[in-house]
Amino acid sequence: MSQSIPSLAPVKNEENVVADIKVDATGLYCPEPVMLLHKHFKTMAAGDILELNATDPSTTRDVPKFCAFLGHDLVACEQQGEQFTYLLRKGSE
């Protein structure tokens, strides 16, 4: 039984937000991209922006859930080919 991965609904970066931290999770598979998010978010201040670049399609499910569960904002996301890019704003502590 194969599990379907949700398609990435684009969220436009209408605020022209620039990342404070860039994380490259290219070539890493679940759960590593989310583990990297946890690691970097521990060092960030509320309101800081992190850019995540990934190639694992499961990030289309995991990154929005990470944000919703932990109170962070998904500012923007897009897919170009097999590359997924996310901008996340750290929520208040």
PDB file of N, CA and C in Angstrom:
ATOM      1  N   MET A   1       0.850  -1.165   0.000  1.00  0.00           N
ATOM      2  CA  MET A   1       0.000   0.000   0.000  1.00  0.00           C
ATOM      3  C   MET A   1       0.901   1.235   0.000  1.00  0.00           C
ATOM      4  N   SER A   2       0.765   2.078  -0.989  1.00  0.00           N
ATOM      5  CA  SER A   2       1.584   3.288  -1.045  1.00  0.00           C
ATOM      6  C   SER A   2       0.815   4.452  -0.440  1.00  0.00           C
ATOM      7  N   GLN A   3       1.563   5.329   0.205  1.00  0.00           N
ATOM      8  CA  GLN A   3       0.967   6.506   0.824  1.00  0.00           C
ATOM      9  C   GLN A   3       1.120   7.679  -0.125  1.00  0.00           C
ATOM     10  N   SER A   4       0.023   8.380  -0.382  1.00  0.00           N
ATOM     11  CA  SER A   4       0.119   9.521  -1.289  1.00  0.00           C
ATOM     12  C   SER A   4       0.641  10.731  -0.529  1.00  0.00           C
ATOM     13  N   ILE A   5       1.442  11.514  -1.209  1.00  0.00           N
ATOM     14  CA  ILE A   5       2.002  12.740  -0.651  1.00  0.00           C
ATOM     15  C   ILE A   5       1.160  13.899  -1.172  1.00  0.00           C
ATOM     16  N   PRO A   6       0.707  14.785  -0.281  1.00  0.00           N
ATOM     17  CA  PRO A   6      -0.108  15.903  -0.755  1.00  0.00           C
ATOM     18  C   PRO A   6       0.691  16.826  -1.656  1.00  0.00           C
ATOM     19  N   SER A   7       0.013  17.403  -2.628  1.00  0.00           N
ATOM     20  CA  SER A   7       0.698  18.367  -3.488  1.00  0.00           C
ATOM     21  C   SER A   7       0.910  19.658  -2.707  1.00  0.00           C
ATOM     22  N   LEU A   8       1.931  20.380  -3.089  1.00  0.00           N
ATOM     23  CA  LEU A   8       2.289  21.609  -2.396  1.00  0.00           C
ATOM     24  C   LEU A   8       1.426  22.748  -2.908  1.00  0.00           C
ATOM     25  N   ALA A   9       0.596  23.289  -2.038  1.00  0.00           N
ATOM     26  CA  ALA A   9      -0.203  24.461  -2.403  1.00  0.00           C
ATOM     27  C   ALA A   9       0.690  25.687  -2.263  1.00  0.00           C
ATOM     28  N   PRO A  10       0.960  26.382  -3.354  1.00  0.00           N
ATOM     29  CA  PRO A  10       1.900  27.497  -3.271  1.00  0.00           C
ATOM     30  C   PRO A  10       1.408  28.619  -2.363  1.00  0.00           C
ATOM     31  N   VAL A  11       2.305  29.112  -1.572  1.00  0.00           N
ATOM     32  CA  VAL A  11       2.059  30.280  -0.745  1.00  0.00           C
ATOM     33  C   VAL A  11       3.051  31.320  -1.223  1.00  0.00           C
ATOM     34  N   LYS A  12       2.557  32.420  -1.750  1.00  0.00           N
ATOM     35  CA  LYS A  12       3.423  33.455  -2.324  1.00  0.00           C
ATOM     36  C   LYS A  12       4.088  34.280  -1.225  1.00  0.00           C
ATOM     37  N   ASN A  13       5.337  34.627  -1.461  1.00  0.00           N
ATOM     38  CA  ASN A  13       6.088  35.483  -0.550  1.00  0.00           C
ATOM     39  C   ASN A  13       5.745  36.938  -0.864  1.00  0.00           C
ATOM     40  N   GLU A  14       4.522  37.331  -0.534  1.00  0.00           N
ATOM     41  CA  GLU A  14       4.044  38.673  -0.859  1.00  0.00           C
ATOM     42  C   GLU A  14       4.697  39.749  -0.005  1.00  0.00           C
ATOM     43  N   GLU A  15       5.276  39.341   1.111  1.00  0.00           N
ATOM     44  CA  GLU A  15       5.927  40.299   1.997  1.00  0.00           C
ATOM     45  C   GLU A  15       7.384  40.534   1.590  1.00  0.00           C
ATOM     46  N   ASN A  16       7.872  39.817   0.576  1.00  0.00           N
ATOM     47  CA  ASN A  16       9.277  39.887   0.171  1.00  0.00           C
ATOM     48  C   ASN A  16      10.209  39.665   1.355  1.00  0.00           C
ATOM     49  N   VAL A  17       9.916  38.635   2.121  1.00  0.00           N
ATOM     50  CA  VAL A  17      10.674  38.292   3.315  1.00  0.00           C
ATOM     51  C   VAL A  17      12.033  37.720   2.918  1.00  0.00           C
ATOM     52  N   VAL A  18      13.056  38.109   3.664  1.00  0.00           N
ATOM     53  CA  VAL A  18      14.410  37.604   3.449  1.00  0.00           C
ATOM     54  C   VAL A  18      14.774  36.722   4.638  1.00  0.00           C
ATOM     55  N   ALA A  19      15.378  35.569   4.369  1.00  0.00           N
ATOM     56  CA  ALA A  19      15.716  34.610   5.417  1.00  0.00           C
ATOM     57  C   ALA A  19      16.891  35.082   6.263  1.00  0.00           C
ATOM     58  N   ASP A  20      16.781  34.850   7.576  1.00  0.00           N
ATOM     59  CA  ASP A  20      17.892  35.076   8.500  1.00  0.00           C
ATOM     60  C   ASP A  20      18.834  33.880   8.488  1.00  0.00           C
ATOM     61  N   ILE A  21      18.266  32.689   8.277  1.00  0.00           N
ATOM     62  CA  ILE A  21      19.024  31.434   8.259  1.00  0.00           C
ATOM     63  C   ILE A  21      18.566  30.632   7.053  1.00  0.00           C
ATOM     64  N   LYS A  22      19.521  30.013   6.351  1.00  0.00           N
ATOM     65  CA  LYS A  22      19.194  29.126   5.230  1.00  0.00           C
ATOM     66  C   LYS A  22      19.663  27.720   5.569  1.00  0.00           C
ATOM     67  N   VAL A  23      18.769  26.754   5.374  1.00  0.00           N
ATOM     68  CA  VAL A  23      19.055  25.357   5.681  1.00  0.00           C
ATOM     69  C   VAL A  23      18.876  24.542   4.413  1.00  0.00           C
ATOM     70  N   ASP A  24      19.903  23.779   4.069  1.00  0.00           N
ATOM     71  CA  ASP A  24      19.863  22.936   2.876  1.00  0.00           C
ATOM     72  C   ASP A  24      19.638  21.486   3.285  1.00  0.00           C
ATOM     73  N   ALA A  25      18.440  20.993   3.043  1.00  0.00           N
ATOM     74  CA  ALA A  25      18.104  19.601   3.339  1.00  0.00           C
ATOM     75  C   ALA A  25      17.994  18.794   2.048  1.00  0.00           C
ATOM     76  N   THR A  26      18.606  19.298   0.982  1.00  0.00           N
ATOM     77  CA  THR A  26      18.582  18.614  -0.311  1.00  0.00           C
ATOM     78  C   THR A  26      19.196  17.226  -0.167  1.00  0.00           C
ATOM     79  N   GLY A  27      18.477  16.220  -0.648  1.00  0.00           N
ATOM     80  CA  GLY A  27      18.968  14.846  -0.596  1.00  0.00           C
ATOM     81  C   GLY A  27      18.665  14.124   0.705  1.00  0.00           C
ATOM     82  N   LEU A  28      18.124  14.816   1.689  1.00  0.00           N
ATOM     83  CA  LEU A  28      17.776  14.191   2.966  1.00  0.00           C
ATOM     84  C   LEU A  28      16.318  13.752   2.936  1.00  0.00           C
ATOM     85  N   TYR A  29      16.036  12.668   3.647  1.00  0.00           N
ATOM     86  CA  TYR A  29      14.684  12.115   3.677  1.00  0.00           C
ATOM     87  C   TYR A  29      14.125  12.141   5.089  1.00  0.00           C
ATOM     88  N   CYS A  30      12.807  12.077   5.171  1.00  0.00           N
ATOM     89  CA  CYS A  30      12.084  12.068   6.430  1.00  0.00           C
ATOM     90  C   CYS A  30      12.726  11.056   7.384  1.00  0.00           C
ATOM     91  N   PRO A  31      13.011  11.472   8.599  1.00  0.00           N
ATOM     92  CA  PRO A  31      12.608  12.688   9.302  1.00  0.00           C
ATOM     93  C   PRO A  31      13.678  13.790   9.333  1.00  0.00           C
ATOM     94  N   GLU A  32      14.753  13.630   8.575  1.00  0.00           N
ATOM     95  CA  GLU A  32      15.887  14.548   8.691  1.00  0.00           C
ATOM     96  C   GLU A  32      15.558  16.023   8.430  1.00  0.00           C
ATOM     97  N   PRO A  33      14.773  16.387   7.399  1.00  0.00           N
ATOM     98  CA  PRO A  33      14.482  17.813   7.215  1.00  0.00           C
ATOM     99  C   PRO A  33      13.807  18.456   8.436  1.00  0.00           C
ATOM    100  N   VAL A  34      12.870  17.749   9.055  1.00  0.00           N
ATOM    101  CA  VAL A  34      12.188  18.289  10.229  1.00  0.00           C
ATOM    102  C   VAL A  34      13.129  18.321  11.431  1.00  0.00           C
ATOM    103  N   MET A  35      14.022  17.350  11.534  1.00  0.00           N
ATOM    104  CA  MET A  35      15.006  17.368  12.614  1.00  0.00           C
ATOM    105  C   MET A  35      15.915  18.589  12.483  1.00  0.00           C
ATOM    106  N   LEU A  36      16.281  18.940  11.247  1.00  0.00           N
ATOM    107  CA  LEU A  36      17.085  20.144  11.026  1.00  0.00           C
ATOM    108  C   LEU A  36      16.309  21.396  11.422  1.00  0.00           C
ATOM    109  N   LEU A  37      15.014  21.417  11.112  1.00  0.00           N
ATOM    110  CA  LEU A  37      14.191  22.559  11.525  1.00  0.00           C
ATOM    111  C   LEU A  37      14.215  22.720  13.042  1.00  0.00           C
ATOM    112  N   HIS A  38      13.998  21.625  13.769  1.00  0.00           N
ATOM    113  CA  HIS A  38      14.024  21.672  15.234  1.00  0.00           C
ATOM    114  C   HIS A  38      15.361  22.214  15.725  1.00  0.00           C
ATOM    115  N   LYS A  39      16.438  21.703  15.175  1.00  0.00           N
ATOM    116  CA  LYS A  39      17.784  22.111  15.597  1.00  0.00           C
ATOM    117  C   LYS A  39      17.986  23.615  15.415  1.00  0.00           C
ATOM    118  N   HIS A  40      17.637  24.133  14.253  1.00  0.00           N
ATOM    119  CA  HIS A  40      17.869  25.545  13.966  1.00  0.00           C
ATOM    120  C   HIS A  40      16.885  26.455  14.696  1.00  0.00           C
ATOM    121  N   PHE A  41      15.640  26.021  14.861  1.00  0.00           N
ATOM    122  CA  PHE A  41      14.655  26.857  15.542  1.00  0.00           C
ATOM    123  C   PHE A  41      15.022  27.071  17.007  1.00  0.00           C
ATOM    124  N   LYS A  42      15.765  26.135  17.612  1.00  0.00           N
ATOM    125  CA  LYS A  42      16.198  26.296  19.004  1.00  0.00           C
ATOM    126  C   LYS A  42      17.112  27.500  19.174  1.00  0.00           C
ATOM    127  N   THR A  43      17.850  27.861  18.129  1.00  0.00           N
ATOM    128  CA  THR A  43      18.817  28.961  18.216  1.00  0.00           C
ATOM    129  C   THR A  43      18.244  30.284  17.725  1.00  0.00           C
ATOM    130  N   MET A  44      17.032  30.277  17.207  1.00  0.00           N
ATOM    131  CA  MET A  44      16.439  31.469  16.596  1.00  0.00           C
ATOM    132  C   MET A  44      15.588  32.249  17.592  1.00  0.00           C
ATOM    133  N   ALA A  45      15.477  33.542  17.344  1.00  0.00           N
ATOM    134  CA  ALA A  45      14.584  34.398  18.131  1.00  0.00           C
ATOM    135  C   ALA A  45      13.205  34.420  17.474  1.00  0.00           C
ATOM    136  N   ALA A  46      12.191  34.711  18.258  1.00  0.00           N
ATOM    137  CA  ALA A  46      10.835  34.840  17.713  1.00  0.00           C
ATOM    138  C   ALA A  46      10.836  35.897  16.616  1.00  0.00           C
ATOM    139  N   GLY A  47      10.191  35.561  15.499  1.00  0.00           N
ATOM    140  CA  GLY A  47      10.118  36.478  14.364  1.00  0.00           C
ATOM    141  C   GLY A  47      11.195  36.265  13.319  1.00  0.00           C
ATOM    142  N   ASP A  48      12.258  35.519  13.670  1.00  0.00           N
ATOM    143  CA  ASP A  48      13.307  35.219  12.691  1.00  0.00           C
ATOM    144  C   ASP A  48      12.745  34.339  11.580  1.00  0.00           C
ATOM    145  N   ILE A  49      13.349  34.455  10.402  1.00  0.00           N
ATOM    146  CA  ILE A  49      12.904  33.706   9.222  1.00  0.00           C
ATOM    147  C   ILE A  49      13.949  32.665   8.847  1.00  0.00           C
ATOM    148  N   LEU A  50      13.481  31.442   8.587  1.00  0.00           N
ATOM    149  CA  LEU A  50      14.337  30.354   8.128  1.00  0.00           C
ATOM    150  C   LEU A  50      13.880  29.931   6.742  1.00  0.00           C
ATOM    151  N   GLU A  51      14.832  29.756   5.841  1.00  0.00           N
ATOM    152  CA  GLU A  51      14.550  29.212   4.508  1.00  0.00           C
ATOM    153  C   GLU A  51      15.031  27.770   4.481  1.00  0.00           C
ATOM    154  N   LEU A  52      14.135  26.862   4.125  1.00  0.00           N
ATOM    155  CA  LEU A  52      14.464  25.444   4.007  1.00  0.00           C
ATOM    156  C   LEU A  52      14.369  25.042   2.551  1.00  0.00           C
ATOM    157  N   ASN A  53      15.441  24.446   2.042  1.00  0.00           N
ATOM    158  CA  ASN A  53      15.442  23.868   0.696  1.00  0.00           C
ATOM    159  C   ASN A  53      15.511  22.360   0.853  1.00  0.00           C
ATOM    160  N   ALA A  54      14.600  21.651   0.196  1.00  0.00           N
ATOM    161  CA  ALA A  54      14.507  20.204   0.351  1.00  0.00           C
ATOM    162  C   ALA A  54      14.093  19.560  -0.964  1.00  0.00           C
ATOM    163  N   THR A  55      14.365  18.266  -1.064  1.00  0.00           N
ATOM    164  CA  THR A  55      13.946  17.494  -2.232  1.00  0.00           C
ATOM    165  C   THR A  55      13.003  16.353  -1.855  1.00  0.00           C
ATOM    166  N   ASP A  56      12.796  16.129  -0.576  1.00  0.00           N
ATOM    167  CA  ASP A  56      11.913  15.054  -0.127  1.00  0.00           C
ATOM    168  C   ASP A  56      10.459  15.508  -0.243  1.00  0.00           C
ATOM    169  N   PRO A  57       9.651  14.838  -1.078  1.00  0.00           N
ATOM    170  CA  PRO A  57       8.248  15.239  -1.242  1.00  0.00           C
ATOM    171  C   PRO A  57       7.441  15.202   0.056  1.00  0.00           C
ATOM    172  N   SER A  58       7.867  14.406   1.032  1.00  0.00           N
ATOM    173  CA  SER A  58       7.111  14.350   2.290  1.00  0.00           C
ATOM    174  C   SER A  58       7.188  15.666   3.062  1.00  0.00           C
ATOM    175  N   THR A  59       8.110  16.557   2.690  1.00  0.00           N
ATOM    176  CA  THR A  59       8.150  17.865   3.355  1.00  0.00           C
ATOM    177  C   THR A  59       6.889  18.673   3.062  1.00  0.00           C
ATOM    178  N   THR A  60       6.197  18.363   1.965  1.00  0.00           N
ATOM    179  CA  THR A  60       4.954  19.081   1.652  1.00  0.00           C
ATOM    180  C   THR A  60       3.883  18.803   2.701  1.00  0.00           C
ATOM    181  N   ARG A  61       4.016  17.710   3.391  1.00  0.00           N
ATOM    182  CA  ARG A  61       3.118  17.352   4.487  1.00  0.00           C
ATOM    183  C   ARG A  61       3.733  17.762   5.824  1.00  0.00           C
ATOM    184  N   ASP A  62       5.026  17.463   5.995  1.00  0.00           N
ATOM    185  CA  ASP A  62       5.673  17.621   7.294  1.00  0.00           C
ATOM    186  C   ASP A  62       5.920  19.071   7.702  1.00  0.00           C
ATOM    187  N   VAL A  63       6.338  19.917   6.772  1.00  0.00           N
ATOM    188  CA  VAL A  63       6.672  21.301   7.125  1.00  0.00           C
ATOM    189  C   VAL A  63       5.428  22.081   7.572  1.00  0.00           C
ATOM    190  N   PRO A  64       4.309  22.033   6.829  1.00  0.00           N
ATOM    191  CA  PRO A  64       3.112  22.732   7.327  1.00  0.00           C
ATOM    192  C   PRO A  64       2.630  22.207   8.682  1.00  0.00           C
ATOM    193  N   LYS A  65       2.724  20.886   8.904  1.00  0.00           N
ATOM    194  CA  LYS A  65       2.312  20.322  10.193  1.00  0.00           C
ATOM    195  C   LYS A  65       3.262  20.749  11.306  1.00  0.00           C
ATOM    196  N   PHE A  66       4.567  20.817  11.005  1.00  0.00           N
ATOM    197  CA  PHE A  66       5.559  21.304  11.964  1.00  0.00           C
ATOM    198  C   PHE A  66       5.172  22.710  12.417  1.00  0.00           C
ATOM    199  N   CYS A  67       4.853  23.570  11.453  1.00  0.00           N
ATOM    200  CA  CYS A  67       4.480  24.957  11.764  1.00  0.00           C
ATOM    201  C   CYS A  67       3.201  25.015  12.594  1.00  0.00           C
ATOM    202  N   ALA A  68       2.181  24.300  12.167  1.00  0.00           N
ATOM    203  CA  ALA A  68       0.892  24.331  12.858  1.00  0.00           C
ATOM    204  C   ALA A  68       1.006  23.793  14.284  1.00  0.00           C
ATOM    205  N   PHE A  69       1.730  22.704  14.452  1.00  0.00           N
ATOM    206  CA  PHE A  69       1.837  22.051  15.753  1.00  0.00           C
ATOM    207  C   PHE A  69       2.644  22.881  16.745  1.00  0.00           C
ATOM    208  N   LEU A  70       3.697  23.565  16.252  1.00  0.00           N
ATOM    209  CA  LEU A  70       4.595  24.285  17.151  1.00  0.00           C
ATOM    210  C   LEU A  70       4.380  25.800  17.157  1.00  0.00           C
ATOM    211  N   GLY A  71       3.387  26.286  16.421  1.00  0.00           N
ATOM    212  CA  GLY A  71       3.045  27.698  16.476  1.00  0.00           C
ATOM    213  C   GLY A  71       3.925  28.613  15.649  1.00  0.00           C
ATOM    214  N   HIS A  72       4.501  28.084  14.580  1.00  0.00           N
ATOM    215  CA  HIS A  72       5.304  28.890  13.666  1.00  0.00           C
ATOM    216  C   HIS A  72       4.459  29.226  12.439  1.00  0.00           C
ATOM    217  N   ASP A  73       4.930  30.187  11.635  1.00  0.00           N
ATOM    218  CA  ASP A  73       4.194  30.594  10.440  1.00  0.00           C
ATOM    219  C   ASP A  73       4.900  30.111   9.184  1.00  0.00           C
ATOM    220  N   LEU A  74       4.142  29.523   8.275  1.00  0.00           N
ATOM    221  CA  LEU A  74       4.652  29.190   6.949  1.00  0.00           C
ATOM    222  C   LEU A  74       4.407  30.423   6.086  1.00  0.00           C
ATOM    223  N   VAL A  75       5.463  31.195   5.859  1.00  0.00           N
ATOM    224  CA  VAL A  75       5.355  32.473   5.156  1.00  0.00           C
ATOM    225  C   VAL A  75       5.205  32.262   3.658  1.00  0.00           C
ATOM    226  N   ALA A  76       5.963  31.308   3.110  1.00  0.00           N
ATOM    227  CA  ALA A  76       5.918  31.051   1.668  1.00  0.00           C
ATOM    228  C   ALA A  76       6.422  29.646   1.397  1.00  0.00           C
ATOM    229  N   CYS A  77       5.952  29.075   0.300  1.00  0.00           N
ATOM    230  CA  CYS A  77       6.472  27.792  -0.161  1.00  0.00           C
ATOM    231  C   CYS A  77       6.283  27.716  -1.663  1.00  0.00           C
ATOM    232  N   GLU A  78       7.219  27.038  -2.296  1.00  0.00           N
ATOM    233  CA  GLU A  78       7.095  26.842  -3.737  1.00  0.00           C
ATOM    234  C   GLU A  78       7.844  25.586  -4.142  1.00  0.00           C
ATOM    235  N   GLN A  79       7.476  25.076  -5.296  1.00  0.00           N
ATOM    236  CA  GLN A  79       8.133  23.910  -5.866  1.00  0.00           C
ATOM    237  C   GLN A  79       8.605  24.267  -7.257  1.00  0.00           C
ATOM    238  N   GLN A  80       9.872  23.961  -7.517  1.00  0.00           N
ATOM    239  CA  GLN A  80      10.433  24.096  -8.859  1.00  0.00           C
ATOM    240  C   GLN A  80      11.084  22.764  -9.187  1.00  0.00           C
ATOM    241  N   GLY A  81      10.439  22.014 -10.075  1.00  0.00           N
ATOM    242  CA  GLY A  81      10.934  20.674 -10.378  1.00  0.00           C
ATOM    243  C   GLY A  81      10.839  19.809  -9.138  1.00  0.00           C
ATOM    244  N   GLU A  82      11.966  19.224  -8.746  1.00  0.00           N
ATOM    245  CA  GLU A  82      11.994  18.374  -7.555  1.00  0.00           C
ATOM    246  C   GLU A  82      12.473  19.125  -6.318  1.00  0.00           C
ATOM    247  N   GLN A  83      12.647  20.425  -6.427  1.00  0.00           N
ATOM    248  CA  GLN A  83      13.132  21.258  -5.317  1.00  0.00           C
ATOM    249  C   GLN A  83      11.960  21.969  -4.641  1.00  0.00           C
ATOM    250  N   PHE A  84      11.894  21.855  -3.317  1.00  0.00           N
ATOM    251  CA  PHE A  84      10.881  22.526  -2.507  1.00  0.00           C
ATOM    252  C   PHE A  84      11.573  23.591  -1.669  1.00  0.00           C
ATOM    253  N   THR A  85      11.008  24.790  -1.651  1.00  0.00           N
ATOM    254  CA  THR A  85      11.563  25.878  -0.851  1.00  0.00           C
ATOM    255  C   THR A  85      10.474  26.413   0.070  1.00  0.00           C
ATOM    256  N   TYR A  86      10.828  26.546   1.352  1.00  0.00           N
ATOM    257  CA  TYR A  86       9.890  27.021   2.370  1.00  0.00           C
ATOM    258  C   TYR A  86      10.509  28.195   3.112  1.00  0.00           C
ATOM    259  N   LEU A  87       9.699  29.182   3.434  1.00  0.00           N
ATOM    260  CA  LEU A  87      10.092  30.257   4.342  1.00  0.00           C
ATOM    261  C   LEU A  87       9.215  30.134   5.580  1.00  0.00           C
ATOM    262  N   LEU A  88       9.848  29.995   6.735  1.00  0.00           N
ATOM    263  CA  LEU A  88       9.138  29.829   7.992  1.00  0.00           C
ATOM    264  C   LEU A  88       9.529  30.950   8.945  1.00  0.00           C
ATOM    265  N   ARG A  89       8.541  31.494   9.653  1.00  0.00           N
ATOM    266  CA  ARG A  89       8.800  32.506  10.684  1.00  0.00           C
ATOM    267  C   ARG A  89       8.597  31.854  12.044  1.00  0.00           C
ATOM    268  N   LYS A  90       9.610  31.986  12.904  1.00  0.00           N
ATOM    269  CA  LYS A  90       9.503  31.394  14.232  1.00  0.00           C
ATOM    270  C   LYS A  90       8.459  32.143  15.045  1.00  0.00           C
ATOM    271  N   GLY A  91       7.580  31.373  15.667  1.00  0.00           N
ATOM    272  CA  GLY A  91       6.552  31.955  16.519  1.00  0.00           C
ATOM    273  C   GLY A  91       7.122  32.388  17.855  1.00  0.00           C
ATOM    274  N   SER A  92       6.276  32.997  18.673  1.00  0.00           N
ATOM    275  CA  SER A  92       6.726  33.437  19.992  1.00  0.00           C
ATOM    276  C   SER A  92       6.950  32.228  20.884  1.00  0.00           C
ATOM    277  N   GLU A  93       7.819  32.410  21.819  1.00  0.00           N
ATOM    278  CA  GLU A  93       8.205  31.308  22.722  1.00  0.00           C
ATOM    279  C   GLU A  93       7.093  30.993  23.694  1.00  0.00           C
TER     280      GLU A  93
END
